[in-house]
Amino acid sequence: MKKLILLTCVLALAVVTAFAQTTQNKNNNKMNKPQERLNYVHPHGVSAKGKILMVASSPLVSKQTGWPIGFWAAELTHPMRVFQEAGYEIELVSTEGGKLEMDGYSNPMDASGYSANDIISLGYLQKPEFNHMLNNTKKLTEINHNDYVAIFMVGGQGPMYTFKGNTNLQKLFVSFYEAGKPASAVCHSTTLLLEAKKSNGELLVKGKTWTGFANAEEDFADNAVGQKIQPYRIEDEARKLTGTTFKVAAPFSSYAIQDGNLVTGQQQNSGAAAAELVVELLTK
């Protein structure tokens, strides 16, 4: 009996060892196997697949700090790069039309150096056609959603004033959403979703999971300048809503969520990720 037990144990050990070795070999083969990644890049000179509407805040002065505020550069340029490489034309409009101004800290040439590593924005700023776009925006009320395949809301400090309570903007955003087109917002532009309602009177975010600028990120910004910057906080207001799920990731990580045709990004580092989700929806 002892010999039988011993033999059984030896056989069991052999089986376990063989299984472990097989698993290890599979893992090693997977690690050693060449990895490939293929992404479409739209060829130069080929017609655009469609037009994406990007909406930014017109410039104004913060009632909270007294600073001039507007849109955040990376939240325009990083998604724009993704859209253009995927083959889409961009039209930029604003809440009031006319010339736009980027928030100072988002300018890669600002003396603060806060966004000095943002070479994507720096590159766009060298292009005359990009600067012409910034200086000559249409007002959002001149826009018909039928002319575009998707909408993308650009964040910054300005939206906390110009998007909040803006019924014209809410209706425009909802018109894309209800038409089944990708409707996207990042960072402080997600303040729009605190109020935007569908045609049936329900909040657009009801039953949805979404994200926006986090309290931890507001704390960082406030501590950096030594005062409260925003008049309210998106995360605080979002968590007061019922029937919706507001999520945030680690501060300033790239984090975006796609729920149906609603796409949201947490902050300025999430614009490209949100744009990629929009492109995936358009590709489908």
C-alpha atoms as a PDB file:
ATOM      1  CA  MET A   1       0.000   0.000   0.000  1.00  0.00           C
ATOM      2  CA  LYS A   2       2.834   2.389   0.920  1.00  0.00           C
ATOM      3  CA  LYS A   3       4.497   1.675  -2.437  1.00  0.00           C
ATOM      4  CA  LEU A   4       1.203   2.389  -4.234  1.00  0.00           C
ATOM      5  CA  ILE A   5       0.775   5.692  -2.392  1.00  0.00           C
ATOM      6  CA  LEU A   6       4.371   6.627  -3.121  1.00  0.00           C
ATOM      7  CA  LEU A   7       3.945   5.761  -6.812  1.00  0.00           C
ATOM      8  CA  THR A   8       0.744   7.816  -6.972  1.00  0.00           C
ATOM      9  CA  CYS A   9       2.493  10.809  -5.427  1.00  0.00           C
ATOM     10  CA  VAL A  10       5.389  10.503  -7.868  1.00  0.00           C
ATOM     11  CA  LEU A  11       3.019  10.336 -10.829  1.00  0.00           C
ATOM     12  CA  ALA A  12       1.035  13.330  -9.550  1.00  0.00           C
ATOM     13  CA  LEU A  13       4.232  15.328  -9.110  1.00  0.00           C
ATOM     14  CA  ALA A  14       5.316  14.400 -12.612  1.00  0.00           C
ATOM     15  CA  VAL A  15       2.005  15.555 -14.064  1.00  0.00           C
ATOM     16  CA  VAL A  16       2.146  18.872 -12.170  1.00  0.00           C
ATOM     17  CA  THR A  17       5.748  19.426 -13.232  1.00  0.00           C
ATOM     18  CA  ALA A  18       4.947  18.642 -16.852  1.00  0.00           C
ATOM     19  CA  PHE A  19       1.959  21.005 -16.813  1.00  0.00           C
ATOM     20  CA  ALA A  20       4.022  23.783 -15.250  1.00  0.00           C
ATOM     21  CA  GLN A  21       6.768  23.260 -17.830  1.00  0.00           C
ATOM     22  CA  THR A  22       4.236  23.348 -20.679  1.00  0.00           C
ATOM     23  CA  THR A  23       2.713  26.569 -19.344  1.00  0.00           C
ATOM     24  CA  GLN A  24       6.168  28.108 -18.954  1.00  0.00           C
ATOM     25  CA  ASN A  25       7.081  27.102 -22.500  1.00  0.00           C
ATOM     26  CA  LYS A  26       3.884  28.682 -23.828  1.00  0.00           C
ATOM     27  CA  ASN A  27       4.630  31.904 -21.944  1.00  0.00           C
ATOM     28  CA  ASN A  28       8.216  31.905 -23.212  1.00  0.00           C
ATOM     29  CA  ASN A  29       7.032  31.312 -26.769  1.00  0.00           C
ATOM     30  CA  LYS A  30       4.540  34.145 -26.441  1.00  0.00           C
ATOM     31  CA  MET A  31       7.254  36.473 -25.140  1.00  0.00           C
ATOM     32  CA  ASN A  32       9.668  35.474 -27.874  1.00  0.00           C
ATOM     33  CA  LYS A  33       7.094  35.704 -30.664  1.00  0.00           C
ATOM     34  CA  PRO A  34       7.345  38.914 -32.716  1.00  0.00           C
ATOM     35  CA  GLN A  35       4.621  41.367 -31.755  1.00  0.00           C
ATOM     36  CA  GLU A  36       2.871  43.348 -34.469  1.00  0.00           C
ATOM     37  CA  ARG A  37       0.653  46.417 -34.393  1.00  0.00           C
ATOM     38  CA  LEU A  38      -1.176  47.830 -37.391  1.00  0.00           C
ATOM     39  CA  ASN A  39      -3.000  51.168 -37.420  1.00  0.00           C
ATOM     40  CA  TYR A  40      -4.491  52.969 -40.385  1.00  0.00           C
ATOM     41  CA  VAL A  41      -2.933  56.318 -41.313  1.00  0.00           C
ATOM     42  CA  HIS A  42      -4.816  58.359 -43.905  1.00  0.00           C
ATOM     43  CA  PRO A  43      -2.685  58.972 -47.016  1.00  0.00           C
ATOM     44  CA  HIS A  44      -1.888  62.536 -47.985  1.00  0.00           C
ATOM     45  CA  GLY A  45      -4.107  63.882 -50.726  1.00  0.00           C
ATOM     46  CA  VAL A  46      -6.895  61.354 -50.252  1.00  0.00           C
ATOM     47  CA  SER A  47     -10.407  62.702 -49.621  1.00  0.00           C
ATOM     48  CA  ALA A  48     -11.549  62.916 -46.011  1.00  0.00           C
ATOM     49  CA  LYS A  49     -13.840  60.231 -44.609  1.00  0.00           C
ATOM     50  CA  GLY A  50     -16.086  62.855 -43.041  1.00  0.00           C
ATOM     51  CA  LYS A  51     -16.033  65.944 -40.852  1.00  0.00           C
ATOM     52  CA  ILE A  52     -15.780  66.012 -37.055  1.00  0.00           C
ATOM     53  CA  LEU A  53     -17.056  69.020 -35.136  1.00  0.00           C
ATOM     54  CA  MET A  54     -14.855  70.222 -32.276  1.00  0.00           C
ATOM     55  CA  VAL A  55     -16.301  72.773 -29.845  1.00  0.00           C
ATOM     56  CA  ALA A  56     -14.197  75.032 -27.616  1.00  0.00           C
ATOM     57  CA  SER A  57     -14.923  77.786 -25.154  1.00  0.00           C
ATOM     58  CA  SER A  58     -14.670  81.398 -26.207  1.00  0.00           C
ATOM     59  CA  PRO A  59     -12.274  83.421 -24.027  1.00  0.00           C
ATOM     60  CA  LEU A  60     -13.407  85.169 -20.867  1.00  0.00           C
ATOM     61  CA  VAL A  61     -12.160  86.117 -17.408  1.00  0.00           C
ATOM     62  CA  SER A  62     -12.610  83.733 -14.472  1.00  0.00           C
ATOM     63  CA  LYS A  63     -14.930  85.094 -11.804  1.00  0.00           C
ATOM     64  CA  GLN A  64     -13.093  82.886  -9.326  1.00  0.00           C
ATOM     65  CA  THR A  65      -9.483  83.968  -9.945  1.00  0.00           C
ATOM     66  CA  GLY A  66      -9.659  86.997 -12.239  1.00  0.00           C
ATOM     67  CA  TRP A  67      -7.446  85.192 -14.773  1.00  0.00           C
ATOM     68  CA  PRO A  68      -8.061  85.165 -18.537  1.00  0.00           C
ATOM     69  CA  ILE A  69      -9.276  81.679 -19.414  1.00  0.00           C
ATOM     70  CA  GLY A  70     -10.233  79.727 -22.526  1.00  0.00           C
ATOM     71  CA  PHE A  71      -9.537  76.235 -23.902  1.00  0.00           C
ATOM     72  CA  TRP A  72      -6.736  73.805 -23.028  1.00  0.00           C
ATOM     73  CA  ALA A  73      -4.400  73.370 -25.993  1.00  0.00           C
ATOM     74  CA  ALA A  74      -3.715  69.623 -25.691  1.00  0.00           C
ATOM     75  CA  GLU A  75      -7.431  68.871 -25.526  1.00  0.00           C
ATOM     76  CA  LEU A  76      -7.753  70.315 -29.005  1.00  0.00           C
ATOM     77  CA  THR A  77      -4.497  69.334 -30.676  1.00  0.00           C
ATOM     78  CA  HIS A  78      -4.031  65.773 -29.399  1.00  0.00           C
ATOM     79  CA  PRO A  79      -7.512  64.588 -30.464  1.00  0.00           C
ATOM     80  CA  MET A  80      -7.132  66.578 -33.702  1.00  0.00           C
ATOM     81  CA  ARG A  81      -3.985  64.624 -34.568  1.00  0.00           C
ATOM     82  CA  VAL A  82      -5.814  61.333 -33.962  1.00  0.00           C
ATOM     83  CA  PHE A  83      -8.779  62.415 -36.092  1.00  0.00           C
ATOM     84  CA  GLN A  84      -6.663  63.725 -38.952  1.00  0.00           C
ATOM     85  CA  GLU A  85      -4.436  60.634 -39.068  1.00  0.00           C
ATOM     86  CA  ALA A  86      -7.615  58.533 -39.202  1.00  0.00           C
ATOM     87  CA  GLY A  87      -8.805  60.514 -42.223  1.00  0.00           C
ATOM     88  CA  TYR A  88     -11.287  63.005 -40.793  1.00  0.00           C
ATOM     89  CA  GLU A  89     -11.555  66.713 -41.467  1.00  0.00           C
ATOM     90  CA  ILE A  90     -11.934  69.053 -38.489  1.00  0.00           C
ATOM     91  CA  GLU A  91     -14.140  72.081 -38.038  1.00  0.00           C
ATOM     92  CA  LEU A  92     -13.661  74.107 -34.872  1.00  0.00           C
ATOM     93  CA  VAL A  93     -16.474  76.237 -33.478  1.00  0.00           C
ATOM     94  CA  SER A  94     -16.894  78.101 -30.207  1.00  0.00           C
ATOM     95  CA  THR A  95     -19.559  79.294 -27.814  1.00  0.00           C
ATOM     96  CA  GLU A  96     -19.541  82.868 -29.154  1.00  0.00           C
ATOM     97  CA  GLY A  97     -17.564  82.625 -32.392  1.00  0.00           C
ATOM     98  CA  GLY A  98     -14.490  84.645 -33.356  1.00  0.00           C
ATOM     99  CA  LYS A  99     -10.983  84.408 -31.938  1.00  0.00           C
ATOM    100  CA  LEU A 100     -10.070  81.789 -29.339  1.00  0.00           C
ATOM    101  CA  GLU A 101      -7.426  81.908 -26.620  1.00  0.00           C
ATOM    102  CA  MET A 102      -5.792  78.930 -24.946  1.00  0.00           C
ATOM    103  CA  ASP A 103      -5.315  78.773 -21.202  1.00  0.00           C
ATOM    104  CA  GLY A 104      -1.824  80.121 -20.497  1.00  0.00           C
ATOM    105  CA  TYR A 105      -0.452  77.051 -18.736  1.00  0.00           C
ATOM    106  CA  SER A 106      -1.471  74.904 -21.713  1.00  0.00           C
ATOM    107  CA  ASN A 107       0.608  76.934 -24.169  1.00  0.00           C
ATOM    108  CA  PRO A 108       3.894  75.066 -24.751  1.00  0.00           C
ATOM    109  CA  MET A 109       5.648  78.417 -25.201  1.00  0.00           C
ATOM    110  CA  ASP A 110       4.371  79.866 -21.903  1.00  0.00           C
ATOM    111  CA  ALA A 111       7.077  81.122 -19.550  1.00  0.00           C
ATOM    112  CA  SER A 112       5.821  78.796 -16.794  1.00  0.00           C
ATOM    113  CA  GLY A 113       7.051  75.791 -18.790  1.00  0.00           C
ATOM    114  CA  TYR A 114       4.067  73.774 -17.542  1.00  0.00           C
ATOM    115  CA  SER A 115       3.300  72.377 -21.009  1.00  0.00           C
ATOM    116  CA  ALA A 116       6.770  72.726 -22.504  1.00  0.00           C
ATOM    117  CA  ASN A 117       6.824  69.026 -23.439  1.00  0.00           C
ATOM    118  CA  ASP A 118       3.618  69.275 -25.450  1.00  0.00           C
ATOM    119  CA  ILE A 119       5.309  69.085 -28.829  1.00  0.00           C
ATOM    120  CA  ILE A 120       2.041  68.197 -30.563  1.00  0.00           C
ATOM    121  CA  SER A 121       0.522  71.563 -29.645  1.00  0.00           C
ATOM    122  CA  LEU A 122       3.829  73.262 -30.418  1.00  0.00           C
ATOM    123  CA  GLY A 123       3.793  71.727 -33.880  1.00  0.00           C
ATOM    124  CA  TYR A 124       0.239  72.813 -34.625  1.00  0.00           C
ATOM    125  CA  LEU A 125       1.018  76.362 -33.525  1.00  0.00           C
ATOM    126  CA  GLN A 126       3.606  76.592 -36.310  1.00  0.00           C
ATOM    127  CA  LYS A 127       0.912  75.971 -38.937  1.00  0.00           C
ATOM    128  CA  PRO A 128      -0.719  79.122 -40.407  1.00  0.00           C
ATOM    129  CA  GLU A 129      -3.949  77.241 -41.133  1.00  0.00           C
ATOM    130  CA  PHE A 130      -4.233  76.154 -37.494  1.00  0.00           C
ATOM    131  CA  ASN A 131      -3.818  79.721 -36.244  1.00  0.00           C
ATOM    132  CA  HIS A 132      -6.352  80.885 -38.827  1.00  0.00           C
ATOM    133  CA  MET A 133      -8.751  78.307 -37.411  1.00  0.00           C
ATOM    134  CA  LEU A 134      -8.242  79.647 -33.875  1.00  0.00           C
ATOM    135  CA  ASN A 135      -8.825  83.220 -35.011  1.00  0.00           C
ATOM    136  CA  ASN A 136     -11.954  82.605 -37.077  1.00  0.00           C
ATOM    137  CA  THR A 137     -14.392  80.223 -35.400  1.00  0.00           C
ATOM    138  CA  LYS A 138     -18.087  80.037 -36.144  1.00  0.00           C
ATOM    139  CA  LYS A 139     -20.601  80.350 -33.349  1.00  0.00           C
ATOM    140  CA  LEU A 140     -22.050  76.971 -32.362  1.00  0.00           C
ATOM    141  CA  THR A 141     -25.609  78.138 -33.117  1.00  0.00           C
ATOM    142  CA  GLU A 142     -24.652  78.254 -36.832  1.00  0.00           C
ATOM    143  CA  ILE A 143     -24.048  74.503 -36.864  1.00  0.00           C
ATOM    144  CA  ASN A 144     -26.217  71.646 -38.157  1.00  0.00           C
ATOM    145  CA  HIS A 145     -25.277  68.204 -36.842  1.00  0.00           C
ATOM    146  CA  ASN A 146     -26.181  66.629 -40.196  1.00  0.00           C
ATOM    147  CA  ASP A 147     -22.958  68.041 -41.658  1.00  0.00           C
ATOM    148  CA  TYR A 148     -20.735  66.063 -39.259  1.00  0.00           C
ATOM    149  CA  VAL A 149     -20.077  62.471 -38.266  1.00  0.00           C
ATOM    150  CA  ALA A 150     -19.155  63.163 -34.618  1.00  0.00           C
ATOM    151  CA  ILE A 151     -18.805  65.907 -32.018  1.00  0.00           C
ATOM    152  CA  PHE A 152     -15.887  66.421 -29.623  1.00  0.00           C
ATOM    153  CA  MET A 153     -16.033  68.939 -26.747  1.00  0.00           C
ATOM    154  CA  VAL A 154     -12.692  70.582 -25.894  1.00  0.00           C
ATOM    155  CA  GLY A 155     -12.025  71.291 -22.233  1.00  0.00           C
ATOM    156  CA  GLY A 156     -10.126  73.960 -20.335  1.00  0.00           C
ATOM    157  CA  GLN A 157     -11.166  76.428 -17.675  1.00  0.00           C
ATOM    158  CA  GLY A 158     -13.567  78.310 -19.932  1.00  0.00           C
ATOM    159  CA  PRO A 159     -16.205  75.530 -20.176  1.00  0.00           C
ATOM    160  CA  MET A 160     -16.869  75.779 -16.441  1.00  0.00           C
ATOM    161  CA  TYR A 161     -18.582  79.078 -17.281  1.00  0.00           C
ATOM    162  CA  THR A 162     -19.453  78.938 -20.976  1.00  0.00           C
ATOM    163  CA  PHE A 163     -20.700  75.326 -21.167  1.00  0.00           C
ATOM    164  CA  LYS A 164     -22.535  75.414 -17.851  1.00  0.00           C
ATOM    165  CA  GLY A 165     -26.196  76.280 -18.419  1.00  0.00           C
ATOM    166  CA  ASN A 166     -25.651  76.611 -22.181  1.00  0.00           C
ATOM    167  CA  THR A 167     -28.892  75.143 -23.542  1.00  0.00           C
ATOM    168  CA  ASN A 168     -27.897  75.696 -27.177  1.00  0.00           C
ATOM    169  CA  LEU A 169     -24.754  73.647 -26.638  1.00  0.00           C
ATOM    170  CA  GLN A 170     -26.642  70.958 -24.761  1.00  0.00           C
ATOM    171  CA  LYS A 171     -29.151  70.626 -27.611  1.00  0.00           C
ATOM    172  CA  LEU A 172     -26.347  70.415 -30.176  1.00  0.00           C
ATOM    173  CA  PHE A 173     -24.517  67.704 -28.234  1.00  0.00           C
ATOM    174  CA  VAL A 174     -27.708  65.719 -27.646  1.00  0.00           C
ATOM    175  CA  SER A 175     -28.608  65.971 -31.355  1.00  0.00           C
ATOM    176  CA  PHE A 176     -25.440  64.033 -32.184  1.00  0.00           C
ATOM    177  CA  TYR A 177     -26.043  61.516 -29.431  1.00  0.00           C
ATOM    178  CA  GLU A 178     -29.641  60.840 -30.406  1.00  0.00           C
ATOM    179  CA  ALA A 179     -28.659  60.493 -34.057  1.00  0.00           C
ATOM    180  CA  GLY A 180     -26.383  57.627 -33.022  1.00  0.00           C
ATOM    181  CA  LYS A 181     -23.208  59.573 -33.747  1.00  0.00           C
ATOM    182  CA  PRO A 182     -20.199  59.585 -31.399  1.00  0.00           C
ATOM    183  CA  ALA A 183     -20.652  62.368 -28.833  1.00  0.00           C
ATOM    184  CA  SER A 184     -17.517  63.050 -26.803  1.00  0.00           C
ATOM    185  CA  ALA A 185     -16.363  65.400 -24.042  1.00  0.00           C
ATOM    186  CA  VAL A 186     -13.116  65.609 -22.067  1.00  0.00           C
ATOM    187  CA  CYS A 187     -11.913  67.210 -18.855  1.00  0.00           C
ATOM    188  CA  HIS A 188     -13.927  70.272 -17.750  1.00  0.00           C
ATOM    189  CA  SER A 189     -16.065  70.157 -20.887  1.00  0.00           C
ATOM    190  CA  THR A 190     -17.875  67.234 -19.235  1.00  0.00           C
ATOM    191  CA  THR A 191     -19.656  69.837 -17.107  1.00  0.00           C
ATOM    192  CA  LEU A 192     -22.111  69.812 -20.015  1.00  0.00           C
ATOM    193  CA  LEU A 193     -23.200  66.316 -18.994  1.00  0.00           C
ATOM    194  CA  LEU A 194     -24.341  67.480 -15.572  1.00  0.00           C
ATOM    195  CA  GLU A 195     -27.361  69.069 -17.255  1.00  0.00           C
ATOM    196  CA  ALA A 196     -27.757  67.800 -20.832  1.00  0.00           C
ATOM    197  CA  LYS A 197     -31.081  66.018 -21.301  1.00  0.00           C
ATOM    198  CA  LYS A 198     -32.398  63.783 -24.062  1.00  0.00           C
ATOM    199  CA  SER A 199     -35.618  64.604 -25.885  1.00  0.00           C
ATOM    200  CA  ASN A 200     -37.547  62.426 -23.405  1.00  0.00           C
ATOM    201  CA  GLY A 201     -36.434  64.670 -20.538  1.00  0.00           C
ATOM    202  CA  GLU A 202     -33.964  62.205 -19.000  1.00  0.00           C
ATOM    203  CA  LEU A 203     -30.367  63.161 -18.337  1.00  0.00           C
ATOM    204  CA  LEU A 204     -28.176  61.926 -21.171  1.00  0.00           C
ATOM    205  CA  VAL A 205     -25.891  60.228 -18.634  1.00  0.00           C
ATOM    206  CA  LYS A 206     -28.704  58.234 -17.040  1.00  0.00           C
ATOM    207  CA  GLY A 207     -27.630  54.587 -17.097  1.00  0.00           C
ATOM    208  CA  LYS A 208     -24.206  55.588 -18.416  1.00  0.00           C
ATOM    209  CA  THR A 209     -20.684  55.278 -17.034  1.00  0.00           C
ATOM    210  CA  TRP A 210     -18.572  58.356 -17.667  1.00  0.00           C
ATOM    211  CA  THR A 211     -15.637  60.405 -16.405  1.00  0.00           C
ATOM    212  CA  GLY A 212     -14.366  63.969 -16.105  1.00  0.00           C
ATOM    213  CA  PHE A 213     -11.938  66.124 -14.143  1.00  0.00           C
ATOM    214  CA  ALA A 214     -11.365  64.514 -10.750  1.00  0.00           C
ATOM    215  CA  ASN A 215     -11.384  66.060  -7.291  1.00  0.00           C
ATOM    216  CA  ALA A 216      -7.817  64.828  -6.749  1.00  0.00           C
ATOM    217  CA  GLU A 217      -6.771  66.792  -9.825  1.00  0.00           C
ATOM    218  CA  GLU A 218      -8.626  69.883  -8.609  1.00  0.00           C
ATOM    219  CA  ASP A 219      -6.773  69.542  -5.288  1.00  0.00           C
ATOM    220  CA  PHE A 220      -3.447  69.399  -7.112  1.00  0.00           C
ATOM    221  CA  ALA A 221      -4.241  72.489  -9.172  1.00  0.00           C
ATOM    222  CA  ASP A 222      -5.533  74.468  -6.188  1.00  0.00           C
ATOM    223  CA  ASN A 223      -2.476  73.595  -4.107  1.00  0.00           C
ATOM    224  CA  ALA A 224      -0.138  74.498  -6.951  1.00  0.00           C
ATOM    225  CA  VAL A 225      -1.434  78.077  -7.158  1.00  0.00           C
ATOM    226  CA  GLY A 226      -2.477  78.492  -3.544  1.00  0.00           C
ATOM    227  CA  GLN A 227      -6.177  79.177  -4.114  1.00  0.00           C
ATOM    228  CA  LYS A 228      -9.426  77.620  -5.262  1.00  0.00           C
ATOM    229  CA  ILE A 229      -9.528  77.792  -9.046  1.00  0.00           C
ATOM    230  CA  GLN A 230     -12.921  76.455 -10.086  1.00  0.00           C
ATOM    231  CA  PRO A 231     -16.350  77.758  -9.009  1.00  0.00           C
ATOM    232  CA  TYR A 232     -17.532  74.139  -8.514  1.00  0.00           C
ATOM    233  CA  ARG A 233     -16.202  70.641  -9.064  1.00  0.00           C
ATOM    234  CA  ILE A 234     -17.440  68.240 -11.714  1.00  0.00           C
ATOM    235  CA  GLU A 235     -16.864  65.128  -9.603  1.00  0.00           C
ATOM    236  CA  ASP A 236     -18.802  66.599  -6.660  1.00  0.00           C
ATOM    237  CA  GLU A 237     -21.741  67.529  -8.878  1.00  0.00           C
ATOM    238  CA  ALA A 238     -21.683  64.248 -10.819  1.00  0.00           C
ATOM    239  CA  ARG A 239     -21.865  62.187  -7.646  1.00  0.00           C
ATOM    240  CA  LYS A 240     -25.043  64.013  -6.651  1.00  0.00           C
ATOM    241  CA  LEU A 241     -26.798  62.611  -9.728  1.00  0.00           C
ATOM    242  CA  THR A 242     -28.790  59.394  -9.421  1.00  0.00           C
ATOM    243  CA  GLY A 243     -28.949  56.593 -11.958  1.00  0.00           C
ATOM    244  CA  THR A 244     -25.494  57.251 -13.410  1.00  0.00           C
ATOM    245  CA  THR A 245     -21.931  56.086 -12.704  1.00  0.00           C
ATOM    246  CA  PHE A 246     -19.088  58.612 -12.571  1.00  0.00           C
ATOM    247  CA  LYS A 247     -15.600  57.073 -12.477  1.00  0.00           C
ATOM    248  CA  VAL A 248     -12.082  58.470 -12.256  1.00  0.00           C
ATOM    249  CA  ALA A 249      -8.657  56.882 -12.523  1.00  0.00           C
ATOM    250  CA  ALA A 250      -5.338  57.888 -10.947  1.00  0.00           C
ATOM    251  CA  PRO A 251      -4.749  61.659 -11.184  1.00  0.00           C
ATOM    252  CA  PHE A 252      -3.555  62.840 -14.609  1.00  0.00           C
ATOM    253  CA  SER A 253      -3.441  59.358 -16.127  1.00  0.00           C
ATOM    254  CA  SER A 254      -4.800  58.836 -19.622  1.00  0.00           C
ATOM    255  CA  TYR A 255      -8.318  57.559 -18.984  1.00  0.00           C
ATOM    256  CA  ALA A 256     -11.305  57.472 -21.308  1.00  0.00           C
ATOM    257  CA  ILE A 257     -14.634  55.653 -21.265  1.00  0.00           C
ATOM    258  CA  GLN A 258     -16.914  54.662 -24.138  1.00  0.00           C
ATOM    259  CA  ASP A 259     -20.473  53.755 -23.152  1.00  0.00           C
ATOM    260  CA  GLY A 260     -22.668  53.337 -26.206  1.00  0.00           C
ATOM    261  CA  ASN A 261     -21.950  56.333 -28.409  1.00  0.00           C
ATOM    262  CA  LEU A 262     -21.023  58.544 -25.438  1.00  0.00           C
ATOM    263  CA  VAL A 263     -17.262  58.978 -25.012  1.00  0.00           C
ATOM    264  CA  THR A 264     -15.635  60.854 -22.124  1.00  0.00           C
ATOM    265  CA  GLY A 265     -12.049  61.576 -21.061  1.00  0.00           C
ATOM    266  CA  GLN A 266     -10.822  62.467 -17.582  1.00  0.00           C
ATOM    267  CA  GLN A 267      -8.472  65.393 -18.290  1.00  0.00           C
ATOM    268  CA  GLN A 268      -5.938  66.891 -20.693  1.00  0.00           C
ATOM    269  CA  ASN A 269      -3.905  63.682 -20.881  1.00  0.00           C
ATOM    270  CA  SER A 270      -6.982  61.734 -21.978  1.00  0.00           C
ATOM    271  CA  GLY A 271      -7.891  63.595 -25.167  1.00  0.00           C
ATOM    272  CA  ALA A 272      -6.092  61.273 -27.553  1.00  0.00           C
ATOM    273  CA  ALA A 273      -7.525  58.178 -25.835  1.00  0.00           C
ATOM    274  CA  ALA A 274     -11.047  59.595 -26.107  1.00  0.00           C
ATOM    275  CA  ALA A 275     -10.460  60.457 -29.776  1.00  0.00           C
ATOM    276  CA  GLU A 276      -9.269  56.910 -30.476  1.00  0.00           C
ATOM    277  CA  LEU A 277     -12.524  55.569 -29.017  1.00  0.00           C
ATOM    278  CA  VAL A 278     -14.465  57.955 -31.256  1.00  0.00           C
ATOM    279  CA  VAL A 279     -12.555  56.695 -34.308  1.00  0.00           C
ATOM    280  CA  GLU A 280     -13.267  53.093 -33.301  1.00  0.00           C
ATOM    281  CA  LEU A 281     -16.989  53.893 -33.153  1.00  0.00           C
ATOM    282  CA  LEU A 282     -16.836  55.557 -36.564  1.00  0.00           C
ATOM    283  CA  THR A 283     -14.949  52.602 -38.003  1.00  0.00           C
ATOM    284  CA  LYS A 284     -17.626  50.224 -36.755  1.00  0.00           C
END
